[in-house]
Protein backbone atom coordinates (compact mmCIF):
# COMPACT_ATOMS: atom_id res chain seq x y z
CA MET A 1 -124.00 238.47 -10.70
CA GLU A 2 -126.20 238.79 -7.68
CA PHE A 3 -125.14 239.19 -4.07
CA HIS A 4 -126.90 236.06 -2.82
CA HIS A 5 -125.27 233.99 -5.57
CA LEU A 6 -121.82 235.23 -4.57
CA ARG A 7 -122.56 234.58 -0.91
CA ALA A 8 -123.70 231.04 -1.67
CA PHE A 9 -120.68 230.47 -3.91
CA GLN A 10 -118.30 231.75 -1.25
CA GLU A 11 -119.80 229.47 1.40
CA VAL A 12 -119.70 226.39 -0.85
CA ALA A 13 -116.10 227.23 -1.80
CA ARG A 14 -115.21 227.61 1.88
CA THR A 15 -116.87 224.41 3.08
CA LEU A 16 -116.62 222.38 -0.15
CA SER A 17 -120.12 221.16 0.65
CA PHE A 18 -123.48 222.25 -0.71
CA THR A 19 -125.20 220.71 2.33
CA GLN A 20 -122.99 222.47 4.88
CA ALA A 21 -123.24 225.74 2.97
CA GLY A 22 -127.03 225.48 3.14
CA ARG A 23 -126.88 224.91 6.89
CA ASN A 24 -124.54 227.86 7.39
CA LEU A 25 -126.71 230.11 5.22
CA HIS A 26 -129.93 228.87 6.89
CA CYS A 27 -131.45 227.58 3.67
CA ALA A 28 -131.98 224.26 1.95
CA GLN A 29 -129.15 222.54 0.11
CA SER A 30 -131.33 222.59 -3.01
CA THR A 31 -131.52 226.39 -2.80
CA VAL A 32 -127.73 226.66 -2.65
CA THR A 33 -127.39 224.24 -5.57
CA ALA A 34 -129.87 226.27 -7.62
CA GLN A 35 -128.01 229.51 -6.84
CA ILE A 36 -124.68 228.00 -7.92
CA LYS A 37 -126.18 226.56 -11.11
CA SER A 38 -127.75 229.94 -11.89
CA LEU A 39 -124.40 231.66 -11.35
CA GLU A 40 -122.63 229.11 -13.55
CA ARG A 41 -125.21 229.62 -16.32
CA ARG A 42 -124.88 233.40 -16.03
CA ILE A 43 -121.10 233.44 -16.40
CA GLY A 44 -120.93 230.42 -18.69
CA VAL A 45 -118.38 228.31 -16.80
CA LEU A 46 -118.39 225.53 -14.21
CA LEU A 47 -117.17 226.68 -10.82
CA PHE A 48 -116.96 223.28 -9.13
CA HIS A 49 -115.91 219.80 -10.18
CA ARG A 50 -118.77 217.54 -9.08
CA ARG A 51 -118.16 213.79 -9.07
CA GLY A 52 -121.15 212.02 -7.57
CA ARG A 53 -120.47 211.31 -3.92
CA CYS A 54 -116.82 212.37 -4.14
CA PRO A 55 -115.90 215.68 -2.52
CA ILE A 56 -116.39 218.72 -4.71
CA LYS A 57 -113.46 220.82 -5.79
CA LEU A 58 -113.11 224.32 -7.25
CA THR A 59 -112.33 224.59 -10.94
CA GLU A 60 -109.67 227.05 -12.09
CA ALA A 61 -112.48 229.52 -12.82
CA GLY A 62 -113.89 228.85 -9.35
CA VAL A 63 -110.55 229.69 -7.72
CA LEU A 64 -110.45 232.96 -9.65
CA LEU A 65 -114.03 233.83 -8.75
CA GLN A 66 -113.35 233.03 -5.09
CA GLU A 67 -110.63 235.69 -5.03
CA HIS A 68 -112.99 238.26 -6.55
CA ALA A 69 -115.94 237.20 -4.40
CA THR A 70 -113.86 237.69 -1.26
CA LEU A 71 -112.98 241.24 -2.31
CA ILE A 72 -116.56 242.05 -3.33
CA LEU A 73 -118.17 240.63 -0.18
CA ASP A 74 -115.57 242.32 2.05
CA ALA A 75 -116.24 245.64 0.30
CA ILE A 76 -120.00 245.24 0.83
CA GLU A 77 -119.44 244.45 4.51
CA CYS A 78 -117.21 247.53 4.91
CA ALA A 79 -119.73 249.75 3.13
CA ASP A 80 -122.52 248.42 5.34
CA ARG A 81 -120.49 249.08 8.48
CA ASP A 82 -119.41 252.56 7.37
CA VAL A 83 -122.95 253.61 6.48
CA ARG A 84 -124.26 252.34 9.82
CA LEU A 85 -121.55 254.25 11.68
CA ALA A 86 -122.32 257.41 9.72
CA ALA A 87 -125.97 257.13 10.73
CA VAL A 88 -125.14 257.14 14.46
CA PRO A 89 -125.87 260.58 15.89
CA ARG A 90 -122.69 262.24 17.01
CA PRO A 91 -122.59 264.34 20.17
CA ARG A 92 -122.46 268.08 19.60
CA VAL A 93 -119.32 269.87 20.64
CA ARG A 94 -120.01 273.20 22.30
């Protein structure tokens, strides 16, 4: 699984819209769709029920992945923040 796939998945799961997810991620809807399809191929399950123009819905596997994706993306955000804070020069105590 790749970070950008999880991020795209999380945004589609949140908005239940490939188009809106693309807008929020500042990329084309087709890019988001390709990332989700690639993720689905990689793990071998459908993550969304797609029914033409009807609203999309998470599959059972999608619900499970959403829980894990939230934990993973939160952990990455925390690690990023912690590393940035560690890089800030600290004043010397004399």
